[in-house]
Amino acid sequence: MPPTPILHAPDAFGDRFDLKQLPLARPGSGYAVQYLGSDTLLDRERGIFLPVRDPGLKALFDSFDLAHRAASQWLWRQNTSVEEHPLAIVPAFFDFALERHVLVYGVLCPSPSSPRP
């Protein structure tokens, strides 16, 4: 993807975290960009959001920085903001038995008071 002319704040998509340091029962194997309030993740090759069950989805980024850059680029291409389209960088993994991505924390809402879709 081309460079993004507008950089978003380091915490625009949540606090930076290190997968190896998270105390998770099911450890994440990558960083994913989740569209909050949904089970969709940003596909790292096509730059679009797809459901976790989509067989062609490639959503795992190797680093927080790569996921942040991809989220910033998506917002820039949509000519929108994180307030209009809430995104978060979350831990995720690919389950080879289920043949799909898994959101470690499940579907996250844009804010604690927001209802789930």
PDB file of N, CA and C in Angstrom:
ATOM      1  N   MET A   1       0.841  -1.188   0.000  1.00  0.00           N
ATOM      2  CA  MET A   1       0.000   0.000   0.000  1.00  0.00           C
ATOM      3  C   MET A   1       0.881   1.244   0.000  1.00  0.00           C
ATOM      4  N   PRO A   2       0.422   2.314  -0.619  1.00  0.00           N
ATOM      5  CA  PRO A   2       1.221   3.544  -0.635  1.00  0.00           C
ATOM      6  C   PRO A   2       1.309   4.159   0.752  1.00  0.00           C
ATOM      7  N   PRO A   3       2.315   4.998   0.992  1.00  0.00           N
ATOM      8  CA  PRO A   3       2.438   5.636   2.305  1.00  0.00           C
ATOM      9  C   PRO A   3       1.209   6.492   2.625  1.00  0.00           C
ATOM     10  N   THR A   4       0.877   6.538   3.877  1.00  0.00           N
ATOM     11  CA  THR A   4      -0.267   7.329   4.331  1.00  0.00           C
ATOM     12  C   THR A   4       0.200   8.739   4.655  1.00  0.00           C
ATOM     13  N   PRO A   5      -0.400   9.766   4.051  1.00  0.00           N
ATOM     14  CA  PRO A   5       0.058  11.127   4.312  1.00  0.00           C
ATOM     15  C   PRO A   5      -0.322  11.626   5.698  1.00  0.00           C
ATOM     16  N   ILE A   6      -1.369  11.097   6.297  1.00  0.00           N
ATOM     17  CA  ILE A   6      -1.810  11.544   7.624  1.00  0.00           C
ATOM     18  C   ILE A   6      -1.553  10.424   8.618  1.00  0.00           C
ATOM     19  N   LEU A   7      -0.775  10.697   9.626  1.00  0.00           N
ATOM     20  CA  LEU A   7      -0.532   9.695  10.654  1.00  0.00           C
ATOM     21  C   LEU A   7      -1.506   9.895  11.802  1.00  0.00           C
ATOM     22  N   HIS A   8      -2.010   8.822  12.301  1.00  0.00           N
ATOM     23  CA  HIS A   8      -2.891   8.885  13.461  1.00  0.00           C
ATOM     24  C   HIS A   8      -2.046   8.718  14.722  1.00  0.00           C
ATOM     25  N   ALA A   9      -2.571   9.204  15.813  1.00  0.00           N
ATOM     26  CA  ALA A   9      -1.850   9.126  17.087  1.00  0.00           C
ATOM     27  C   ALA A   9      -1.480   7.673  17.392  1.00  0.00           C
ATOM     28  N   PRO A  10      -0.393   7.458  18.105  1.00  0.00           N
ATOM     29  CA  PRO A  10       0.022   6.092  18.427  1.00  0.00           C
ATOM     30  C   PRO A  10      -1.066   5.268  19.124  1.00  0.00           C
ATOM     31  N   ASP A  11      -1.946   5.941  19.878  1.00  0.00           N
ATOM     32  CA  ASP A  11      -2.994   5.209  20.595  1.00  0.00           C
ATOM     33  C   ASP A  11      -4.377   5.348  19.930  1.00  0.00           C
ATOM     34  N   ALA A  12      -4.413   5.781  18.668  1.00  0.00           N
ATOM     35  CA  ALA A  12      -5.687   5.989  17.973  1.00  0.00           C
ATOM     36  C   ALA A  12      -6.504   4.704  17.862  1.00  0.00           C
ATOM     37  N   PHE A  13      -5.834   3.563  17.857  1.00  0.00           N
ATOM     38  CA  PHE A  13      -6.517   2.278  17.702  1.00  0.00           C
ATOM     39  C   PHE A  13      -6.332   1.394  18.930  1.00  0.00           C
ATOM     40  N   GLY A  14      -6.127   2.035  20.075  1.00  0.00           N
ATOM     41  CA  GLY A  14      -5.919   1.315  21.323  1.00  0.00           C
ATOM     42  C   GLY A  14      -4.476   1.416  21.782  1.00  0.00           C
ATOM     43  N   ASP A  15      -4.256   1.013  23.008  1.00  0.00           N
ATOM     44  CA  ASP A  15      -2.912   1.059  23.579  1.00  0.00           C
ATOM     45  C   ASP A  15      -2.014   0.014  22.917  1.00  0.00           C
ATOM     46  N   ARG A  16      -0.764   0.409  22.702  1.00  0.00           N
ATOM     47  CA  ARG A  16       0.233  -0.521  22.144  1.00  0.00           C
ATOM     48  C   ARG A  16       0.388  -1.708  23.097  1.00  0.00           C
ATOM     49  N   PHE A  17       0.527  -2.892  22.522  1.00  0.00           N
ATOM     50  CA  PHE A  17       0.749  -4.087  23.339  1.00  0.00           C
ATOM     51  C   PHE A  17       1.700  -5.018  22.618  1.00  0.00           C
ATOM     52  N   ASP A  18       2.294  -5.909  23.394  1.00  0.00           N
ATOM     53  CA  ASP A  18       3.204  -6.922  22.871  1.00  0.00           C
ATOM     54  C   ASP A  18       2.514  -8.271  23.066  1.00  0.00           C
ATOM     55  N   LEU A  19       2.246  -8.970  21.982  1.00  0.00           N
ATOM     56  CA  LEU A  19       1.549 -10.260  22.071  1.00  0.00           C
ATOM     57  C   LEU A  19       2.197 -11.209  23.061  1.00  0.00           C
ATOM     58  N   LYS A  20       3.514 -11.222  23.084  1.00  0.00           N
ATOM     59  CA  LYS A  20       4.239 -12.155  23.949  1.00  0.00           C
ATOM     60  C   LYS A  20       4.046 -11.836  25.429  1.00  0.00           C
ATOM     61  N   GLN A  21       3.659 -10.604  25.738  1.00  0.00           N
ATOM     62  CA  GLN A  21       3.509 -10.191  27.138  1.00  0.00           C
ATOM     63  C   GLN A  21       2.071 -10.290  27.650  1.00  0.00           C
ATOM     64  N   LEU A  22       1.108 -10.554  26.754  1.00  0.00           N
ATOM     65  CA  LEU A  22      -0.291 -10.620  27.176  1.00  0.00           C
ATOM     66  C   LEU A  22      -0.580 -11.947  27.873  1.00  0.00           C
ATOM     67  N   PRO A  23      -1.231 -11.896  29.038  1.00  0.00           N
ATOM     68  CA  PRO A  23      -1.577 -13.130  29.744  1.00  0.00           C
ATOM     69  C   PRO A  23      -2.887 -13.713  29.189  1.00  0.00           C
ATOM     70  N   LEU A  24      -2.803 -14.361  28.039  1.00  0.00           N
ATOM     71  CA  LEU A  24      -3.994 -14.875  27.371  1.00  0.00           C
ATOM     72  C   LEU A  24      -4.092 -16.395  27.497  1.00  0.00           C
ATOM     73  N   ALA A  25      -5.305 -16.883  27.723  1.00  0.00           N
ATOM     74  CA  ALA A  25      -5.525 -18.324  27.763  1.00  0.00           C
ATOM     75  C   ALA A  25      -5.277 -18.937  26.375  1.00  0.00           C
ATOM     76  N   ARG A  26      -5.695 -18.213  25.348  1.00  0.00           N
ATOM     77  CA  ARG A  26      -5.458 -18.615  23.960  1.00  0.00           C
ATOM     78  C   ARG A  26      -4.569 -17.543  23.342  1.00  0.00           C
ATOM     79  N   PRO A  27      -3.286 -17.771  23.241  1.00  0.00           N
ATOM     80  CA  PRO A  27      -2.378 -16.714  22.777  1.00  0.00           C
ATOM     81  C   PRO A  27      -2.629 -16.307  21.334  1.00  0.00           C
ATOM     82  N   GLY A  28      -2.504 -15.025  21.087  1.00  0.00           N
ATOM     83  CA  GLY A  28      -2.622 -14.507  19.740  1.00  0.00           C
ATOM     84  C   GLY A  28      -1.373 -14.828  18.953  1.00  0.00           C
ATOM     85  N   SER A  29      -1.528 -14.985  17.653  1.00  0.00           N
ATOM     86  CA  SER A  29      -0.361 -15.240  16.805  1.00  0.00           C
ATOM     87  C   SER A  29      -0.094 -14.061  15.881  1.00  0.00           C
ATOM     88  N   GLY A  30      -0.917 -13.010  16.020  1.00  0.00           N
ATOM     89  CA  GLY A  30      -0.714 -11.823  15.217  1.00  0.00           C
ATOM     90  C   GLY A  30      -1.583 -10.673  15.693  1.00  0.00           C
ATOM     91  N   TYR A  31      -1.340  -9.524  15.111  1.00  0.00           N
ATOM     92  CA  TYR A  31      -2.102  -8.312  15.398  1.00  0.00           C
ATOM     93  C   TYR A  31      -3.123  -8.146  14.279  1.00  0.00           C
ATOM     94  N   ALA A  32      -4.373  -7.833  14.633  1.00  0.00           N
ATOM     95  CA  ALA A  32      -5.417  -7.649  13.633  1.00  0.00           C
ATOM     96  C   ALA A  32      -6.086  -6.303  13.852  1.00  0.00           C
ATOM     97  N   VAL A  33      -6.650  -5.743  12.787  1.00  0.00           N
ATOM     98  CA  VAL A  33      -7.398  -4.498  12.867  1.00  0.00           C
ATOM     99  C   VAL A  33      -8.874  -4.865  12.815  1.00  0.00           C
ATOM    100  N   GLN A  34      -9.557  -4.656  13.931  1.00  0.00           N
ATOM    101  CA  GLN A  34     -10.980  -4.990  14.037  1.00  0.00           C
ATOM    102  C   GLN A  34     -11.831  -3.744  13.856  1.00  0.00           C
ATOM    103  N   TYR A  35     -12.906  -3.889  13.073  1.00  0.00           N
ATOM    104  CA  TYR A  35     -13.910  -2.826  12.979  1.00  0.00           C
ATOM    105  C   TYR A  35     -14.810  -3.049  14.189  1.00  0.00           C
ATOM    106  N   LEU A  36     -14.759  -2.115  15.145  1.00  0.00           N
ATOM    107  CA  LEU A  36     -15.468  -2.312  16.403  1.00  0.00           C
ATOM    108  C   LEU A  36     -16.961  -2.473  16.200  1.00  0.00           C
ATOM    109  N   GLY A  37     -17.549  -3.351  17.022  1.00  0.00           N
ATOM    110  CA  GLY A  37     -18.963  -3.654  16.929  1.00  0.00           C
ATOM    111  C   GLY A  37     -19.268  -4.723  15.898  1.00  0.00           C
ATOM    112  N   SER A  38     -18.226  -5.327  15.328  1.00  0.00           N
ATOM    113  CA  SER A  38     -18.432  -6.352  14.305  1.00  0.00           C
ATOM    114  C   SER A  38     -17.374  -7.448  14.451  1.00  0.00           C
ATOM    115  N   ASP A  39     -17.573  -8.515  13.683  1.00  0.00           N
ATOM    116  CA  ASP A  39     -16.566  -9.582  13.658  1.00  0.00           C
ATOM    117  C   ASP A  39     -15.746  -9.500  12.375  1.00  0.00           C
ATOM    118  N   THR A  40     -15.547  -8.273  11.889  1.00  0.00           N
ATOM    119  CA  THR A  40     -14.775  -8.089  10.664  1.00  0.00           C
ATOM    120  C   THR A  40     -13.373  -7.596  10.974  1.00  0.00           C
ATOM    121  N   LEU A  41     -12.432  -8.068  10.157  1.00  0.00           N
ATOM    122  CA  LEU A  41     -11.026  -7.703  10.294  1.00  0.00           C
ATOM    123  C   LEU A  41     -10.527  -7.163   8.962  1.00  0.00           C
ATOM    124  N   LEU A  42      -9.532  -6.299   9.045  1.00  0.00           N
ATOM    125  CA  LEU A  42      -8.935  -5.718   7.855  1.00  0.00           C
ATOM    126  C   LEU A  42      -8.022  -6.743   7.189  1.00  0.00           C
ATOM    127  N   ASP A  43      -8.317  -7.045   5.937  1.00  0.00           N
ATOM    128  CA  ASP A  43      -7.479  -7.959   5.172  1.00  0.00           C
ATOM    129  C   ASP A  43      -6.191  -7.219   4.792  1.00  0.00           C
ATOM    130  N   ARG A  44      -5.061  -7.793   5.148  1.00  0.00           N
ATOM    131  CA  ARG A  44      -3.788  -7.087   4.955  1.00  0.00           C
ATOM    132  C   ARG A  44      -3.378  -7.003   3.491  1.00  0.00           C
ATOM    133  N   GLU A  45      -3.912  -7.841   2.631  1.00  0.00           N
ATOM    134  CA  GLU A  45      -3.548  -7.798   1.213  1.00  0.00           C
ATOM    135  C   GLU A  45      -4.509  -6.943   0.396  1.00  0.00           C
ATOM    136  N   ARG A  46      -5.802  -7.025   0.670  1.00  0.00           N
ATOM    137  CA  ARG A  46      -6.803  -6.299  -0.121  1.00  0.00           C
ATOM    138  C   ARG A  46      -7.202  -4.958   0.478  1.00  0.00           C
ATOM    139  N   GLY A  47      -6.896  -4.748   1.765  1.00  0.00           N
ATOM    140  CA  GLY A  47      -7.219  -3.475   2.403  1.00  0.00           C
ATOM    141  C   GLY A  47      -8.708  -3.253   2.599  1.00  0.00           C
ATOM    142  N   ILE A  48      -9.470  -4.332   2.768  1.00  0.00           N
ATOM    143  CA  ILE A  48     -10.913  -4.241   3.030  1.00  0.00           C
ATOM    144  C   ILE A  48     -11.247  -5.079   4.259  1.00  0.00           C
ATOM    145  N   PHE A  49     -12.380  -4.752   4.882  1.00  0.00           N
ATOM    146  CA  PHE A  49     -12.822  -5.516   6.042  1.00  0.00           C
ATOM    147  C   PHE A  49     -13.649  -6.705   5.596  1.00  0.00           C
ATOM    148  N   LEU A  50     -13.322  -7.873   6.157  1.00  0.00           N
ATOM    149  CA  LEU A  50     -14.017  -9.112   5.842  1.00  0.00           C
ATOM    150  C   LEU A  50     -14.388  -9.830   7.135  1.00  0.00           C
ATOM    151  N   PRO A  51     -15.458 -10.631   7.133  1.00  0.00           N
ATOM    152  CA  PRO A  51     -15.820 -11.403   8.321  1.00  0.00           C
ATOM    153  C   PRO A  51     -14.726 -12.419   8.667  1.00  0.00           C
ATOM    154  N   VAL A  52     -14.583 -12.735   9.936  1.00  0.00           N
ATOM    155  CA  VAL A  52     -13.554 -13.689  10.364  1.00  0.00           C
ATOM    156  C   VAL A  52     -13.734 -15.050   9.698  1.00  0.00           C
ATOM    157  N   ARG A  53     -14.944 -15.384   9.289  1.00  0.00           N
ATOM    158  CA  ARG A  53     -15.204 -16.685   8.649  1.00  0.00           C
ATOM    159  C   ARG A  53     -14.901 -16.698   7.151  1.00  0.00           C
ATOM    160  N   ASP A  54     -14.526 -15.563   6.578  1.00  0.00           N
ATOM    161  CA  ASP A  54     -14.218 -15.516   5.149  1.00  0.00           C
ATOM    162  C   ASP A  54     -12.978 -16.366   4.889  1.00  0.00           C
ATOM    163  N   PRO A  55     -13.070 -17.371   3.988  1.00  0.00           N
ATOM    164  CA  PRO A  55     -11.923 -18.256   3.764  1.00  0.00           C
ATOM    165  C   PRO A  55     -10.708 -17.575   3.136  1.00  0.00           C
ATOM    166  N   GLY A  56     -10.896 -16.428   2.499  1.00  0.00           N
ATOM    167  CA  GLY A  56      -9.766 -15.732   1.883  1.00  0.00           C
ATOM    168  C   GLY A  56      -9.131 -14.669   2.752  1.00  0.00           C
ATOM    169  N   LEU A  57      -9.658 -14.462   3.951  1.00  0.00           N
ATOM    170  CA  LEU A  57      -9.161 -13.408   4.839  1.00  0.00           C
ATOM    171  C   LEU A  57      -7.725 -13.676   5.267  1.00  0.00           C
ATOM    172  N   LYS A  58      -6.908 -12.649   5.153  1.00  0.00           N
ATOM    173  CA  LYS A  58      -5.526 -12.681   5.654  1.00  0.00           C
ATOM    174  C   LYS A  58      -5.376 -11.459   6.544  1.00  0.00           C
ATOM    175  N   ALA A  59      -5.648 -11.622   7.825  1.00  0.00           N
ATOM    176  CA  ALA A  59      -5.781 -10.481   8.723  1.00  0.00           C
ATOM    177  C   ALA A  59      -4.657 -10.305   9.723  1.00  0.00           C
ATOM    178  N   LEU A  60      -3.742 -11.232   9.817  1.00  0.00           N
ATOM    179  CA  LEU A  60      -2.728 -11.144  10.870  1.00  0.00           C
ATOM    180  C   LEU A  60      -1.505 -10.364  10.408  1.00  0.00           C
ATOM    181  N   PHE A  61      -1.198  -9.328  11.169  1.00  0.00           N
ATOM    182  CA  PHE A  61      -0.009  -8.507  10.932  1.00  0.00           C
ATOM    183  C   PHE A  61       1.079  -8.963  11.897  1.00  0.00           C
ATOM    184  N   ASP A  62       2.322  -8.850  11.475  1.00  0.00           N
ATOM    185  CA  ASP A  62       3.449  -9.295  12.296  1.00  0.00           C
ATOM    186  C   ASP A  62       3.774  -8.363  13.462  1.00  0.00           C
ATOM    187  N   SER A  63       3.317  -7.108  13.378  1.00  0.00           N
ATOM    188  CA  SER A  63       3.642  -6.155  14.442  1.00  0.00           C
ATOM    189  C   SER A  63       2.501  -5.167  14.649  1.00  0.00           C
ATOM    190  N   PHE A  64       2.517  -4.538  15.802  1.00  0.00           N
ATOM    191  CA  PHE A  64       1.542  -3.499  16.098  1.00  0.00           C
ATOM    192  C   PHE A  64       1.697  -2.355  15.100  1.00  0.00           C
ATOM    193  N   ASP A  65       2.940  -2.007  14.782  1.00  0.00           N
ATOM    194  CA  ASP A  65       3.200  -0.901  13.864  1.00  0.00           C
ATOM    195  C   ASP A  65       2.627  -1.149  12.470  1.00  0.00           C
ATOM    196  N   LEU A  66       2.759  -2.366  11.967  1.00  0.00           N
ATOM    197  CA  LEU A  66       2.196  -2.689  10.645  1.00  0.00           C
ATOM    198  C   LEU A  66       0.674  -2.618  10.673  1.00  0.00           C
ATOM    199  N   ALA A  67       0.066  -3.094  11.752  1.00  0.00           N
ATOM    200  CA  ALA A  67      -1.394  -3.022  11.884  1.00  0.00           C
ATOM    201  C   ALA A  67      -1.834  -1.564  11.987  1.00  0.00           C
ATOM    202  N   HIS A  68      -1.087  -0.764  12.730  1.00  0.00           N
ATOM    203  CA  HIS A  68      -1.410   0.664  12.879  1.00  0.00           C
ATOM    204  C   HIS A  68      -1.340   1.362  11.526  1.00  0.00           C
ATOM    205  N   ARG A  69      -0.303   1.084  10.770  1.00  0.00           N
ATOM    206  CA  ARG A  69      -0.145   1.690   9.452  1.00  0.00           C
ATOM    207  C   ARG A  69      -1.311   1.298   8.539  1.00  0.00           C
ATOM    208  N   ALA A  70      -1.706   0.032   8.558  1.00  0.00           N
ATOM    209  CA  ALA A  70      -2.810  -0.433   7.712  1.00  0.00           C
ATOM    210  C   ALA A  70      -4.131   0.227   8.125  1.00  0.00           C
ATOM    211  N   ALA A  71      -4.375   0.366   9.426  1.00  0.00           N
ATOM    212  CA  ALA A  71      -5.597   1.027   9.900  1.00  0.00           C
ATOM    213  C   ALA A  71      -5.610   2.495   9.471  1.00  0.00           C
ATOM    214  N   SER A  72      -4.473   3.163   9.609  1.00  0.00           N
ATOM    215  CA  SER A  72      -4.366   4.564   9.190  1.00  0.00           C
ATOM    216  C   SER A  72      -4.632   4.706   7.696  1.00  0.00           C
ATOM    217  N   GLN A  73      -4.055   3.808   6.909  1.00  0.00           N
ATOM    218  CA  GLN A  73      -4.254   3.868   5.464  1.00  0.00           C
ATOM    219  C   GLN A  73      -5.716   3.634   5.096  1.00  0.00           C
ATOM    220  N   TRP A  74      -6.373   2.703   5.785  1.00  0.00           N
ATOM    221  CA  TRP A  74      -7.779   2.442   5.482  1.00  0.00           C
ATOM    222  C   TRP A  74      -8.613   3.691   5.760  1.00  0.00           C
ATOM    223  N   LEU A  75      -8.393   4.330   6.901  1.00  0.00           N
ATOM    224  CA  LEU A  75      -9.145   5.548   7.223  1.00  0.00           C
ATOM    225  C   LEU A  75      -8.872   6.641   6.193  1.00  0.00           C
ATOM    226  N   TRP A  76      -7.614   6.775   5.791  1.00  0.00           N
ATOM    227  CA  TRP A  76      -7.262   7.796   4.801  1.00  0.00           C
ATOM    228  C   TRP A  76      -7.954   7.526   3.465  1.00  0.00           C
ATOM    229  N   ARG A  77      -7.939   6.252   3.018  1.00  0.00           N
ATOM    230  CA  ARG A  77      -8.591   5.910   1.747  1.00  0.00           C
ATOM    231  C   ARG A  77     -10.103   6.135   1.800  1.00  0.00           C
ATOM    232  N   GLN A  78     -10.706   5.970   2.969  1.00  0.00           N
ATOM    233  CA  GLN A  78     -12.142   6.178   3.126  1.00  0.00           C
ATOM    234  C   GLN A  78     -12.471   7.651   3.358  1.00  0.00           C
ATOM    235  N   ASN A  79     -11.440   8.474   3.516  1.00  0.00           N
ATOM    236  CA  ASN A  79     -11.611   9.898   3.817  1.00  0.00           C
ATOM    237  C   ASN A  79     -12.505  10.076   5.050  1.00  0.00           C
ATOM    238  N   THR A  80     -12.134   9.373   6.106  1.00  0.00           N
ATOM    239  CA  THR A  80     -12.942   9.372   7.318  1.00  0.00           C
ATOM    240  C   THR A  80     -12.040   9.378   8.550  1.00  0.00           C
ATOM    241  N   SER A  81     -12.654   9.290   9.714  1.00  0.00           N
ATOM    242  CA  SER A  81     -11.905   9.340  10.976  1.00  0.00           C
ATOM    243  C   SER A  81     -12.224   8.110  11.829  1.00  0.00           C
ATOM    244  N   VAL A  82     -11.407   7.941  12.841  1.00  0.00           N
ATOM    245  CA  VAL A  82     -11.616   6.830  13.769  1.00  0.00           C
ATOM    246  C   VAL A  82     -12.888   7.052  14.602  1.00  0.00           C
ATOM    247  N   GLU A  83     -13.325   8.285  14.717  1.00  0.00           N
ATOM    248  CA  GLU A  83     -14.579   8.564  15.429  1.00  0.00           C
ATOM    249  C   GLU A  83     -15.782   8.085  14.604  1.00  0.00           C
ATOM    250  N   GLU A  84     -15.693   8.231  13.288  1.00  0.00           N
ATOM    251  CA  GLU A  84     -16.782   7.786  12.412  1.00  0.00           C
ATOM    252  C   GLU A  84     -16.741   6.281  12.167  1.00  0.00           C
ATOM    253  N   HIS A  85     -15.549   5.737  12.077  1.00  0.00           N
ATOM    254  CA  HIS A  85     -15.352   4.308  11.830  1.00  0.00           C
ATOM    255  C   HIS A  85     -14.381   3.789  12.886  1.00  0.00           C
ATOM    256  N   PRO A  86     -14.892   3.385  14.044  1.00  0.00           N
ATOM    257  CA  PRO A  86     -14.015   2.966  15.141  1.00  0.00           C
ATOM    258  C   PRO A  86     -13.288   1.653  14.844  1.00  0.00           C
ATOM    259  N   LEU A  87     -11.976   1.733  14.935  1.00  0.00           N
ATOM    260  CA  LEU A  87     -11.114   0.581  14.695  1.00  0.00           C
ATOM    261  C   LEU A  87     -10.261   0.326  15.925  1.00  0.00           C
ATOM    262  N   ALA A  88      -9.842  -0.914  16.096  1.00  0.00           N
ATOM    263  CA  ALA A  88      -8.933  -1.258  17.190  1.00  0.00           C
ATOM    264  C   ALA A  88      -7.956  -2.316  16.714  1.00  0.00           C
ATOM    265  N   ILE A  89      -6.749  -2.247  17.227  1.00  0.00           N
ATOM    266  CA  ILE A  89      -5.764  -3.290  16.978  1.00  0.00           C
ATOM    267  C   ILE A  89      -5.900  -4.285  18.124  1.00  0.00           C
ATOM    268  N   VAL A  90      -6.141  -5.542  17.752  1.00  0.00           N
ATOM    269  CA  VAL A  90      -6.452  -6.583  18.736  1.00  0.00           C
ATOM    270  C   VAL A  90      -5.592  -7.819  18.482  1.00  0.00           C
ATOM    271  N   PRO A  91      -5.412  -8.642  19.528  1.00  0.00           N
ATOM    272  CA  PRO A  91      -4.734  -9.920  19.305  1.00  0.00           C
ATOM    273  C   PRO A  91      -5.701 -10.893  18.633  1.00  0.00           C
ATOM    274  N   ALA A  92      -5.178 -11.682  17.717  1.00  0.00           N
ATOM    275  CA  ALA A  92      -5.992 -12.675  17.015  1.00  0.00           C
ATOM    276  C   ALA A  92      -5.100 -13.851  16.627  1.00  0.00           C
ATOM    277  N   PHE A  93      -5.738 -14.927  16.204  1.00  0.00           N
ATOM    278  CA  PHE A  93      -4.975 -16.061  15.687  1.00  0.00           C
ATOM    279  C   PHE A  93      -5.807 -16.786  14.635  1.00  0.00           C
ATOM    280  N   PHE A  94      -5.147 -17.632  13.877  1.00  0.00           N
ATOM    281  CA  PHE A  94      -5.837 -18.436  12.886  1.00  0.00           C
ATOM    282  C   PHE A  94      -5.978 -19.834  13.447  1.00  0.00           C
ATOM    283  N   ASP A  95      -7.218 -20.336  13.509  1.00  0.00           N
ATOM    284  CA  ASP A  95      -7.501 -21.683  14.000  1.00  0.00           C
ATOM    285  C   ASP A  95      -7.528 -22.613  12.790  1.00  0.00           C
ATOM    286  N   PHE A  96      -6.549 -23.477  12.705  1.00  0.00           N
ATOM    287  CA  PHE A  96      -6.441 -24.361  11.545  1.00  0.00           C
ATOM    288  C   PHE A  96      -7.533 -25.426  11.534  1.00  0.00           C
ATOM    289  N   ALA A  97      -8.038 -25.835  12.696  1.00  0.00           N
ATOM    290  CA  ALA A  97      -9.133 -26.810  12.744  1.00  0.00           C
ATOM    291  C   ALA A  97     -10.433 -26.184  12.227  1.00  0.00           C
ATOM    292  N   LEU A  98     -10.708 -24.952  12.652  1.00  0.00           N
ATOM    293  CA  LEU A  98     -11.921 -24.261  12.199  1.00  0.00           C
ATOM    294  C   LEU A  98     -11.733 -23.585  10.838  1.00  0.00           C
ATOM    295  N   GLU A  99     -10.480 -23.451  10.433  1.00  0.00           N
ATOM    296  CA  GLU A  99     -10.112 -22.790   9.182  1.00  0.00           C
ATOM    297  C   GLU A  99     -10.636 -21.358   9.121  1.00  0.00           C
ATOM    298  N   ARG A 100     -10.386 -20.615  10.200  1.00  0.00           N
ATOM    299  CA  ARG A 100     -10.801 -19.210  10.243  1.00  0.00           C
ATOM    300  C   ARG A 100     -10.017 -18.479  11.314  1.00  0.00           C
ATOM    301  N   HIS A 101     -10.085 -17.145  11.230  1.00  0.00           N
ATOM    302  CA  HIS A 101      -9.462 -16.303  12.243  1.00  0.00           C
ATOM    303  C   HIS A 101     -10.332 -16.302  13.498  1.00  0.00           C
ATOM    304  N   VAL A 102      -9.690 -16.086  14.633  1.00  0.00           N
ATOM    305  CA  VAL A 102     -10.393 -16.022  15.906  1.00  0.00           C
ATOM    306  C   VAL A 102      -9.991 -14.731  16.609  1.00  0.00           C
ATOM    307  N   LEU A 103     -10.996 -13.971  17.040  1.00  0.00           N
ATOM    308  CA  LEU A 103     -10.767 -12.768  17.843  1.00  0.00           C
ATOM    309  C   LEU A 103     -10.598 -13.208  19.292  1.00  0.00           C
ATOM    310  N   VAL A 104      -9.433 -13.005  19.855  1.00  0.00           N
ATOM    311  CA  VAL A 104      -9.143 -13.463  21.213  1.00  0.00           C
ATOM    312  C   VAL A 104     -10.137 -12.876  22.212  1.00  0.00           C
ATOM    313  N   TYR A 105     -10.495 -11.599  22.054  1.00  0.00           N
ATOM    314  CA  TYR A 105     -11.422 -10.939  22.970  1.00  0.00           C
ATOM    315  C   TYR A 105     -12.860 -10.942  22.464  1.00  0.00           C
ATOM    316  N   GLY A 106     -13.137 -11.552  21.330  1.00  0.00           N
ATOM    317  CA  GLY A 106     -14.483 -11.544  20.768  1.00  0.00           C
ATOM    318  C   GLY A 106     -14.793 -10.212  20.108  1.00  0.00           C
ATOM    319  N   VAL A 107     -16.077  -9.967  19.884  1.00  0.00           N
ATOM    320  CA  VAL A 107     -16.508  -8.721  19.249  1.00  0.00           C
ATOM    321  C   VAL A 107     -16.467  -7.606  20.285  1.00  0.00           C
ATOM    322  N   LEU A 108     -15.646  -6.608  20.034  1.00  0.00           N
ATOM    323  CA  LEU A 108     -15.537  -5.457  20.931  1.00  0.00           C
ATOM    324  C   LEU A 108     -16.442  -4.342  20.435  1.00  0.00           C
ATOM    325  N   CYS A 109     -17.094  -3.663  21.372  1.00  0.00           N
ATOM    326  CA  CYS A 109     -17.970  -2.547  21.032  1.00  0.00           C
ATOM    327  C   CYS A 109     -17.156  -1.246  20.997  1.00  0.00           C
ATOM    328  N   PRO A 110     -17.650  -0.233  20.265  1.00  0.00           N
ATOM    329  CA  PRO A 110     -16.926   1.049  20.197  1.00  0.00           C
ATOM    330  C   PRO A 110     -16.698   1.695  21.550  1.00  0.00           C
ATOM    331  N   SER A 111     -17.619   1.539  22.487  1.00  0.00           N
ATOM    332  CA  SER A 111     -17.425   2.069  23.839  1.00  0.00           C
ATOM    333  C   SER A 111     -18.162   1.135  24.795  1.00  0.00           C
ATOM    334  N   PRO A 112     -17.809   1.157  26.070  1.00  0.00           N
ATOM    335  CA  PRO A 112     -18.453   0.249  27.023  1.00  0.00           C
ATOM    336  C   PRO A 112     -19.977   0.384  27.080  1.00  0.00           C
ATOM    337  N   SER A 113     -20.520   1.542  26.761  1.00  0.00           N
ATOM    338  CA  SER A 113     -21.952   1.729  26.852  1.00  0.00           C
ATOM    339  C   SER A 113     -22.684   1.416  25.544  1.00  0.00           C
ATOM    340  N   SER A 114     -21.922   1.111  24.477  1.00  0.00           N
ATOM    341  CA  SER A 114     -22.549   0.833  23.183  1.00  0.00           C
ATOM    342  C   SER A 114     -23.129  -0.582  23.173  1.00  0.00           C
ATOM    343  N   PRO A 115     -24.321  -0.754  22.625  1.00  0.00           N
ATOM    344  CA  PRO A 115     -24.875  -2.104  22.511  1.00  0.00           C
ATOM    345  C   PRO A 115     -24.164  -2.894  21.424  1.00  0.00           C
ATOM    346  N   ARG A 116     -24.169  -4.199  21.541  1.00  0.00           N
ATOM    347  CA  ARG A 116     -23.596  -5.051  20.506  1.00  0.00           C
ATOM    348  C   ARG A 116     -24.566  -5.115  19.341  1.00  0.00           C
ATOM    349  N   PRO A 117     -24.042  -5.257  18.113  1.00  0.00           N
ATOM    350  CA  PRO A 117     -24.931  -5.320  16.945  1.00  0.00           C
ATOM    351  C   PRO A 117     -25.751  -6.586  16.917  1.00  0.00           C
TER     352      PRO A 117
END
